[in-house]
Amino acid sequence: MTARSHTRNYTSLTDAIDLAAARANLAVVQENLAQTELKADADGVITDVLIEPGEVVQPSSGAFNLAHDGELDAVFNVDESALAQDNPPLSVEVALVDRPDIRASARVQEISPSVDRKLGTVRLKLSIVDPPAEITLGSAIVARAELAMAGRISIPWLALTSRGGKPAVWVFDPATQMVTTRQIEVLRYDADRIIIASGLNAGEEVVIEGTQFLHENQKVQAVQGDAK
């Protein structure tokens, strides 16, 4: 009787250990199963799917990109010269590319401090204010900015020379029919023209071609080339 009782107690202890281990394994499996259910941290729209059906995904791997509901942003790559203004735009407006009549106001939210060296552009982010229902996440839009008006003189690239290592132009005097070099200050460089900050007055004439053959107070014959 003593031997049988001892065997029965040993068997019961083993069963209890196995049951505890099975429960622990079940808890781990249930926890892992719960991790397979993805829950968004906020309302929004799926913008990108990073996994494929049937793919074995490692823990902590990204599965989706989620854009939260809320204020819409518009991102543009803007020519660097367009952001060289000292004053901010008076107003900014965005519109759908295929529906220009669908518009909304916007404000500048962020300007990247770095320039794309290949494109010469700067990343600009706008916040769209009270967008209409037609402007949704992923919409193709254009932006228009109203800037303060300021009269500026522009000249062709070919007119630019240098004096003392600084930008200059050859100015033609109709009264004397002579040319002289004058140092200028450049506001910005556009695609095919130079915007002058100071050094030239409206209506003055500059030499565009043949500047390499000129010298101070040389008499020339004017053909064309009024500064604008």
C-alpha atoms as a PDB file:
ATOM      1  CA  MET A   1       0.000   0.000   0.000  1.00  0.00           C
ATOM      2  CA  THR A   2       2.798   2.381   0.820  1.00  0.00           C
ATOM      3  CA  ALA A   3       4.487   1.769  -2.565  1.00  0.00           C
ATOM      4  CA  ARG A   4       1.233   2.298  -4.510  1.00  0.00           C
ATOM      5  CA  SER A   5       0.440   5.520  -2.679  1.00  0.00           C
ATOM      6  CA  HIS A   6       3.918   6.902  -3.341  1.00  0.00           C
ATOM      7  CA  THR A   7       3.574   6.146  -7.094  1.00  0.00           C
ATOM      8  CA  ARG A   8       0.186   7.853  -7.277  1.00  0.00           C
ATOM      9  CA  ASN A   9       1.459  11.030  -5.612  1.00  0.00           C
ATOM     10  CA  TYR A  10       4.441  11.199  -7.972  1.00  0.00           C
ATOM     11  CA  THR A  11       2.161  10.855 -11.001  1.00  0.00           C
ATOM     12  CA  SER A  12      -0.137  13.632  -9.793  1.00  0.00           C
ATOM     13  CA  LEU A  13       2.815  16.019  -9.338  1.00  0.00           C
ATOM     14  CA  THR A  14       4.033  15.311 -12.876  1.00  0.00           C
ATOM     15  CA  ASP A  15       0.580  15.998 -14.300  1.00  0.00           C
ATOM     16  CA  ALA A  16       0.415  19.318 -12.434  1.00  0.00           C
ATOM     17  CA  ILE A  17       3.769  20.395 -13.867  1.00  0.00           C
ATOM     18  CA  ASP A  18       2.714  19.448 -17.394  1.00  0.00           C
ATOM     19  CA  LEU A  19      -0.559  21.347 -16.991  1.00  0.00           C
ATOM     20  CA  ALA A  20       1.252  24.488 -15.804  1.00  0.00           C
ATOM     21  CA  ALA A  21       3.675  24.285 -18.738  1.00  0.00           C
ATOM     22  CA  ALA A  22       0.807  23.819 -21.190  1.00  0.00           C
ATOM     23  CA  ARG A  23      -0.982  26.842 -19.762  1.00  0.00           C
ATOM     24  CA  ALA A  24       2.192  28.913 -20.047  1.00  0.00           C
ATOM     25  CA  ASN A  25       2.645  27.824 -23.667  1.00  0.00           C
ATOM     26  CA  LEU A  26      -0.999  28.650 -24.361  1.00  0.00           C
ATOM     27  CA  ALA A  27      -0.502  32.149 -22.965  1.00  0.00           C
ATOM     28  CA  VAL A  28       2.522  32.673 -25.212  1.00  0.00           C
ATOM     29  CA  VAL A  29       0.628  31.433 -28.271  1.00  0.00           C
ATOM     30  CA  GLN A  30      -2.343  33.655 -27.469  1.00  0.00           C
ATOM     31  CA  GLU A  31      -0.038  36.646 -27.057  1.00  0.00           C
ATOM     32  CA  ASN A  32       1.645  35.930 -30.398  1.00  0.00           C
ATOM     33  CA  LEU A  33      -1.738  35.504 -32.047  1.00  0.00           C
ATOM     34  CA  ALA A  34      -2.866  38.849 -30.683  1.00  0.00           C
ATOM     35  CA  GLN A  35       0.220  40.441 -32.235  1.00  0.00           C
ATOM     36  CA  THR A  36      -0.944  39.327 -35.694  1.00  0.00           C
ATOM     37  CA  GLU A  37      -3.972  41.613 -35.431  1.00  0.00           C
ATOM     38  CA  LEU A  38      -2.905  45.074 -36.611  1.00  0.00           C
ATOM     39  CA  LYS A  39      -4.700  48.044 -35.102  1.00  0.00           C
ATOM     40  CA  ALA A  40      -4.345  51.639 -36.260  1.00  0.00           C
ATOM     41  CA  ASP A  41      -3.331  54.140 -33.608  1.00  0.00           C
ATOM     42  CA  ALA A  42      -5.760  56.678 -35.092  1.00  0.00           C
ATOM     43  CA  ASP A  43      -8.348  57.097 -37.843  1.00  0.00           C
ATOM     44  CA  GLY A  44      -6.830  57.579 -41.268  1.00  0.00           C
ATOM     45  CA  VAL A  45      -6.174  56.211 -44.735  1.00  0.00           C
ATOM     46  CA  ILE A  46      -3.783  53.451 -45.821  1.00  0.00           C
ATOM     47  CA  THR A  47      -1.364  55.081 -48.244  1.00  0.00           C
ATOM     48  CA  ASP A  48       0.991  52.176 -48.905  1.00  0.00           C
ATOM     49  CA  VAL A  49       1.027  48.376 -48.426  1.00  0.00           C
ATOM     50  CA  LEU A  50       4.479  47.034 -47.565  1.00  0.00           C
ATOM     51  CA  ILE A  51       3.718  43.295 -47.483  1.00  0.00           C
ATOM     52  CA  GLU A  52       2.357  40.730 -49.931  1.00  0.00           C
ATOM     53  CA  PRO A  53      -0.324  38.066 -49.332  1.00  0.00           C
ATOM     54  CA  GLY A  54       1.307  34.874 -48.011  1.00  0.00           C
ATOM     55  CA  GLU A  55       4.546  36.612 -47.144  1.00  0.00           C
ATOM     56  CA  VAL A  56       6.285  35.532 -43.926  1.00  0.00           C
ATOM     57  CA  VAL A  57       6.776  38.738 -41.993  1.00  0.00           C
ATOM     58  CA  GLN A  58       9.370  39.162 -39.283  1.00  0.00           C
ATOM     59  CA  PRO A  59       8.400  40.714 -35.950  1.00  0.00           C
ATOM     60  CA  SER A  60       8.472  44.522 -35.890  1.00  0.00           C
ATOM     61  CA  SER A  61       8.415  44.712 -39.695  1.00  0.00           C
ATOM     62  CA  GLY A  62       6.298  47.436 -41.266  1.00  0.00           C
ATOM     63  CA  ALA A  63       3.086  46.306 -42.928  1.00  0.00           C
ATOM     64  CA  PHE A  64       1.265  49.508 -43.913  1.00  0.00           C
ATOM     65  CA  ASN A  65       1.738  53.254 -44.046  1.00  0.00           C
ATOM     66  CA  LEU A  66      -1.131  55.117 -42.432  1.00  0.00           C
ATOM     67  CA  ALA A  67      -1.945  58.786 -42.975  1.00  0.00           C
ATOM     68  CA  HIS A  68      -3.892  60.138 -40.024  1.00  0.00           C
ATOM     69  CA  ASP A  69      -7.113  62.004 -40.582  1.00  0.00           C
ATOM     70  CA  GLY A  70      -6.833  65.728 -40.081  1.00  0.00           C
ATOM     71  CA  GLU A  71      -5.218  68.671 -41.828  1.00  0.00           C
ATOM     72  CA  LEU A  72      -3.978  67.945 -45.341  1.00  0.00           C
ATOM     73  CA  ASP A  73      -0.466  68.909 -46.422  1.00  0.00           C
ATOM     74  CA  ALA A  74       0.790  69.622 -49.930  1.00  0.00           C
ATOM     75  CA  VAL A  75       4.440  69.046 -50.814  1.00  0.00           C
ATOM     76  CA  PHE A  76       6.224  70.767 -53.716  1.00  0.00           C
ATOM     77  CA  ASN A  77       9.756  70.940 -55.075  1.00  0.00           C
ATOM     78  CA  VAL A  78      10.200  74.657 -55.711  1.00  0.00           C
ATOM     79  CA  ASP A  79      12.972  76.387 -57.639  1.00  0.00           C
ATOM     80  CA  GLU A  80      15.433  77.893 -55.188  1.00  0.00           C
ATOM     81  CA  SER A  81      15.157  81.352 -56.755  1.00  0.00           C
ATOM     82  CA  ALA A  82      11.409  81.428 -56.048  1.00  0.00           C
ATOM     83  CA  LEU A  83      12.140  81.349 -52.319  1.00  0.00           C
ATOM     84  CA  ALA A  84      14.731  84.115 -52.403  1.00  0.00           C
ATOM     85  CA  GLN A  85      12.138  86.751 -51.551  1.00  0.00           C
ATOM     86  CA  ASP A  86      12.711  88.696 -48.353  1.00  0.00           C
ATOM     87  CA  ASN A  87       8.988  89.002 -47.654  1.00  0.00           C
ATOM     88  CA  PRO A  88       6.590  86.053 -47.251  1.00  0.00           C
ATOM     89  CA  PRO A  89       3.784  85.656 -49.827  1.00  0.00           C
ATOM     90  CA  LEU A  90       0.663  87.710 -49.274  1.00  0.00           C
ATOM     91  CA  SER A  91      -1.496  84.655 -49.868  1.00  0.00           C
ATOM     92  CA  VAL A  92      -1.185  81.069 -51.099  1.00  0.00           C
ATOM     93  CA  GLU A  93      -3.877  79.061 -52.851  1.00  0.00           C
ATOM     94  CA  VAL A  94      -3.990  75.460 -54.087  1.00  0.00           C
ATOM     95  CA  ALA A  95      -6.240  73.942 -56.740  1.00  0.00           C
ATOM     96  CA  LEU A  96      -6.842  70.535 -58.291  1.00  0.00           C
ATOM     97  CA  VAL A  97      -4.876  69.940 -61.482  1.00  0.00           C
ATOM     98  CA  ASP A  98      -7.891  68.511 -63.320  1.00  0.00           C
ATOM     99  CA  ARG A  99     -10.413  70.853 -61.632  1.00  0.00           C
ATOM    100  CA  PRO A 100      -8.848  74.315 -61.357  1.00  0.00           C
ATOM    101  CA  ASP A 101     -12.151  75.675 -60.045  1.00  0.00           C
ATOM    102  CA  ILE A 102     -11.756  73.563 -56.883  1.00  0.00           C
ATOM    103  CA  ARG A 103      -9.548  75.746 -54.685  1.00  0.00           C
ATOM    104  CA  ALA A 104      -8.508  76.162 -51.069  1.00  0.00           C
ATOM    105  CA  SER A 105      -6.328  78.534 -49.113  1.00  0.00           C
ATOM    106  CA  ALA A 106      -2.992  77.296 -47.788  1.00  0.00           C
ATOM    107  CA  ARG A 107      -0.170  78.502 -45.580  1.00  0.00           C
ATOM    108  CA  VAL A 108       3.532  77.751 -45.599  1.00  0.00           C
ATOM    109  CA  GLN A 109       4.264  75.131 -42.962  1.00  0.00           C
ATOM    110  CA  GLU A 110       7.846  74.093 -43.649  1.00  0.00           C
ATOM    111  CA  ILE A 111      10.723  75.029 -45.970  1.00  0.00           C
ATOM    112  CA  SER A 112      13.573  72.547 -46.216  1.00  0.00           C
ATOM    113  CA  PRO A 113      16.926  74.059 -45.217  1.00  0.00           C
ATOM    114  CA  SER A 114      18.748  72.023 -47.875  1.00  0.00           C
ATOM    115  CA  VAL A 115      18.745  72.284 -51.663  1.00  0.00           C
ATOM    116  CA  ASP A 116      18.512  69.358 -54.046  1.00  0.00           C
ATOM    117  CA  ARG A 117      21.849  69.749 -55.857  1.00  0.00           C
ATOM    118  CA  LYS A 118      20.676  67.843 -58.933  1.00  0.00           C
ATOM    119  CA  LEU A 119      17.459  69.786 -59.471  1.00  0.00           C
ATOM    120  CA  GLY A 120      18.270  73.062 -57.731  1.00  0.00           C
ATOM    121  CA  THR A 121      14.954  72.851 -55.879  1.00  0.00           C
ATOM    122  CA  VAL A 122      13.830  73.199 -52.282  1.00  0.00           C
ATOM    123  CA  ARG A 123      11.167  71.039 -50.604  1.00  0.00           C
ATOM    124  CA  LEU A 124       8.194  73.178 -49.573  1.00  0.00           C
ATOM    125  CA  LYS A 125       5.306  71.936 -47.446  1.00  0.00           C
ATOM    126  CA  LEU A 126       1.958  73.757 -47.348  1.00  0.00           C
ATOM    127  CA  SER A 127      -0.941  73.204 -44.957  1.00  0.00           C
ATOM    128  CA  ILE A 128      -4.292  73.298 -46.729  1.00  0.00           C
ATOM    129  CA  VAL A 129      -6.884  75.297 -44.801  1.00  0.00           C
ATOM    130  CA  ASP A 130     -10.434  73.882 -44.781  1.00  0.00           C
ATOM    131  CA  PRO A 131     -10.040  71.777 -47.956  1.00  0.00           C
ATOM    132  CA  PRO A 132     -13.245  71.021 -49.884  1.00  0.00           C
ATOM    133  CA  ALA A 133     -14.425  67.433 -50.103  1.00  0.00           C
ATOM    134  CA  GLU A 134     -12.988  67.110 -53.639  1.00  0.00           C
ATOM    135  CA  ILE A 135      -9.423  67.647 -52.377  1.00  0.00           C
ATOM    136  CA  THR A 136      -8.484  64.379 -50.732  1.00  0.00           C
ATOM    137  CA  LEU A 137      -5.340  62.534 -49.747  1.00  0.00           C
ATOM    138  CA  GLY A 138      -3.254  61.868 -52.873  1.00  0.00           C
ATOM    139  CA  SER A 139      -4.896  64.536 -55.027  1.00  0.00           C
ATOM    140  CA  ALA A 140      -2.699  66.165 -57.685  1.00  0.00           C
ATOM    141  CA  ILE A 141      -2.716  69.895 -57.029  1.00  0.00           C
ATOM    142  CA  VAL A 142      -1.000  73.107 -58.095  1.00  0.00           C
ATOM    143  CA  ALA A 143      -0.199  76.123 -55.929  1.00  0.00           C
ATOM    144  CA  ARG A 144      -0.338  79.845 -56.681  1.00  0.00           C
ATOM    145  CA  ALA A 145       1.223  82.495 -54.475  1.00  0.00           C
ATOM    146  CA  GLU A 146       0.522  86.217 -54.447  1.00  0.00           C
ATOM    147  CA  LEU A 147       3.672  88.224 -53.810  1.00  0.00           C
ATOM    148  CA  ALA A 148       4.150  91.870 -53.036  1.00  0.00           C
ATOM    149  CA  MET A 149       4.743  93.789 -56.254  1.00  0.00           C
ATOM    150  CA  ALA A 150       8.212  95.237 -56.726  1.00  0.00           C
ATOM    151  CA  GLY A 151       9.685  96.702 -59.877  1.00  0.00           C
ATOM    152  CA  ARG A 152      12.852  94.907 -60.943  1.00  0.00           C
ATOM    153  CA  ILE A 153      15.223  95.153 -63.901  1.00  0.00           C
ATOM    154  CA  SER A 154      16.206  91.985 -65.711  1.00  0.00           C
ATOM    155  CA  ILE A 155      18.896  91.488 -68.348  1.00  0.00           C
ATOM    156  CA  PRO A 156      19.950  88.501 -70.476  1.00  0.00           C
ATOM    157  CA  TRP A 157      22.714  86.258 -69.179  1.00  0.00           C
ATOM    158  CA  LEU A 158      24.975  87.305 -72.062  1.00  0.00           C
ATOM    159  CA  ALA A 159      25.128  90.862 -70.744  1.00  0.00           C
ATOM    160  CA  LEU A 160      26.886  89.813 -67.534  1.00  0.00           C
ATOM    161  CA  THR A 161      30.612  90.469 -67.208  1.00  0.00           C
ATOM    162  CA  SER A 162      32.846  91.191 -64.220  1.00  0.00           C
ATOM    163  CA  ARG A 163      34.848  94.062 -62.808  1.00  0.00           C
ATOM    164  CA  GLY A 164      37.254  93.444 -59.970  1.00  0.00           C
ATOM    165  CA  GLY A 165      35.848  89.961 -59.582  1.00  0.00           C
ATOM    166  CA  LYS A 166      32.302  91.263 -59.063  1.00  0.00           C
ATOM    167  CA  PRO A 167      29.249  91.207 -61.391  1.00  0.00           C
ATOM    168  CA  ALA A 168      29.169  94.073 -63.882  1.00  0.00           C
ATOM    169  CA  VAL A 169      27.709  95.094 -67.236  1.00  0.00           C
ATOM    170  CA  TRP A 170      28.755  97.306 -70.137  1.00  0.00           C
ATOM    171  CA  VAL A 171      26.439 100.340 -70.186  1.00  0.00           C
ATOM    172  CA  PHE A 172      25.907 102.258 -73.434  1.00  0.00           C
ATOM    173  CA  ASP A 173      25.504 106.056 -73.302  1.00  0.00           C
ATOM    174  CA  PRO A 174      23.452 107.242 -76.311  1.00  0.00           C
ATOM    175  CA  ALA A 175      24.691 110.818 -75.898  1.00  0.00           C
ATOM    176  CA  THR A 176      28.375 109.973 -76.289  1.00  0.00           C
ATOM    177  CA  GLN A 177      27.970 106.647 -78.120  1.00  0.00           C
ATOM    178  CA  MET A 178      30.462 105.201 -75.591  1.00  0.00           C
ATOM    179  CA  VAL A 179      30.387 102.190 -73.273  1.00  0.00           C
ATOM    180  CA  THR A 180      31.629 101.902 -69.701  1.00  0.00           C
ATOM    181  CA  THR A 181      31.578  99.051 -67.212  1.00  0.00           C
ATOM    182  CA  ARG A 182      29.384  99.369 -64.167  1.00  0.00           C
ATOM    183  CA  GLN A 183      29.272  97.098 -61.151  1.00  0.00           C
ATOM    184  CA  ILE A 184      25.832  95.684 -60.332  1.00  0.00           C
ATOM    185  CA  GLU A 185      24.240  93.746 -57.512  1.00  0.00           C
ATOM    186  CA  VAL A 186      22.396  90.601 -58.568  1.00  0.00           C
ATOM    187  CA  LEU A 187      19.164  89.749 -56.764  1.00  0.00           C
ATOM    188  CA  ARG A 188      18.824  86.290 -58.279  1.00  0.00           C
ATOM    189  CA  TYR A 189      19.609  84.183 -61.331  1.00  0.00           C
ATOM    190  CA  ASP A 190      16.619  82.886 -63.290  1.00  0.00           C
ATOM    191  CA  ALA A 191      16.599  80.345 -66.101  1.00  0.00           C
ATOM    192  CA  ASP A 192      17.565  82.739 -68.901  1.00  0.00           C
ATOM    193  CA  ARG A 193      17.760  86.175 -67.261  1.00  0.00           C
ATOM    194  CA  ILE A 194      19.441  87.939 -64.364  1.00  0.00           C
ATOM    195  CA  ILE A 195      17.347  89.957 -61.923  1.00  0.00           C
ATOM    196  CA  ILE A 196      19.153  93.127 -60.853  1.00  0.00           C
ATOM    197  CA  ALA A 197      18.946  94.390 -57.262  1.00  0.00           C
ATOM    198  CA  SER A 198      20.860  97.636 -57.890  1.00  0.00           C
ATOM    199  CA  GLY A 199      23.285  99.249 -60.326  1.00  0.00           C
ATOM    200  CA  LEU A 200      20.989  99.795 -63.309  1.00  0.00           C
ATOM    201  CA  ASN A 201      18.072 102.109 -63.989  1.00  0.00           C
ATOM    202  CA  ALA A 202      15.060 101.373 -66.146  1.00  0.00           C
ATOM    203  CA  GLY A 203      15.635 102.417 -69.767  1.00  0.00           C
ATOM    204  CA  GLU A 204      19.427 102.171 -69.663  1.00  0.00           C
ATOM    205  CA  GLU A 205      21.021 100.175 -72.450  1.00  0.00           C
ATOM    206  CA  VAL A 206      23.517  97.368 -71.886  1.00  0.00           C
ATOM    207  CA  VAL A 207      25.691  95.468 -74.340  1.00  0.00           C
ATOM    208  CA  ILE A 208      24.642  91.876 -74.842  1.00  0.00           C
ATOM    209  CA  GLU A 209      27.028  90.565 -77.511  1.00  0.00           C
ATOM    210  CA  GLY A 210      30.701  91.174 -78.126  1.00  0.00           C
ATOM    211  CA  THR A 211      31.498  92.303 -74.579  1.00  0.00           C
ATOM    212  CA  GLN A 212      34.861  90.527 -74.743  1.00  0.00           C
ATOM    213  CA  PHE A 213      36.030  93.004 -77.397  1.00  0.00           C
ATOM    214  CA  LEU A 214      35.142  96.183 -75.492  1.00  0.00           C
ATOM    215  CA  HIS A 215      37.284  98.588 -73.493  1.00  0.00           C
ATOM    216  CA  GLU A 216      36.454 101.632 -71.377  1.00  0.00           C
ATOM    217  CA  ASN A 217      35.004 104.660 -73.201  1.00  0.00           C
ATOM    218  CA  GLN A 218      35.001 102.838 -76.508  1.00  0.00           C
ATOM    219  CA  LYS A 219      32.659 104.221 -79.145  1.00  0.00           C
ATOM    220  CA  VAL A 220      30.178 101.690 -80.492  1.00  0.00           C
ATOM    221  CA  GLN A 221      27.042 101.658 -82.572  1.00  0.00           C
ATOM    222  CA  ALA A 222      23.902 100.689 -80.677  1.00  0.00           C
ATOM    223  CA  VAL A 223      21.720  98.012 -82.240  1.00  0.00           C
ATOM    224  CA  GLN A 224      19.482  96.719 -79.426  1.00  0.00           C
ATOM    225  CA  GLY A 225      19.613  95.627 -75.801  1.00  0.00           C
ATOM    226  CA  ASP A 226      17.542  97.948 -73.606  1.00  0.00           C
ATOM    227  CA  ALA A 227      17.376  96.817 -69.995  1.00  0.00           C
ATOM    228  CA  LYS A 228      13.862  95.825 -68.949  1.00  0.00           C
END
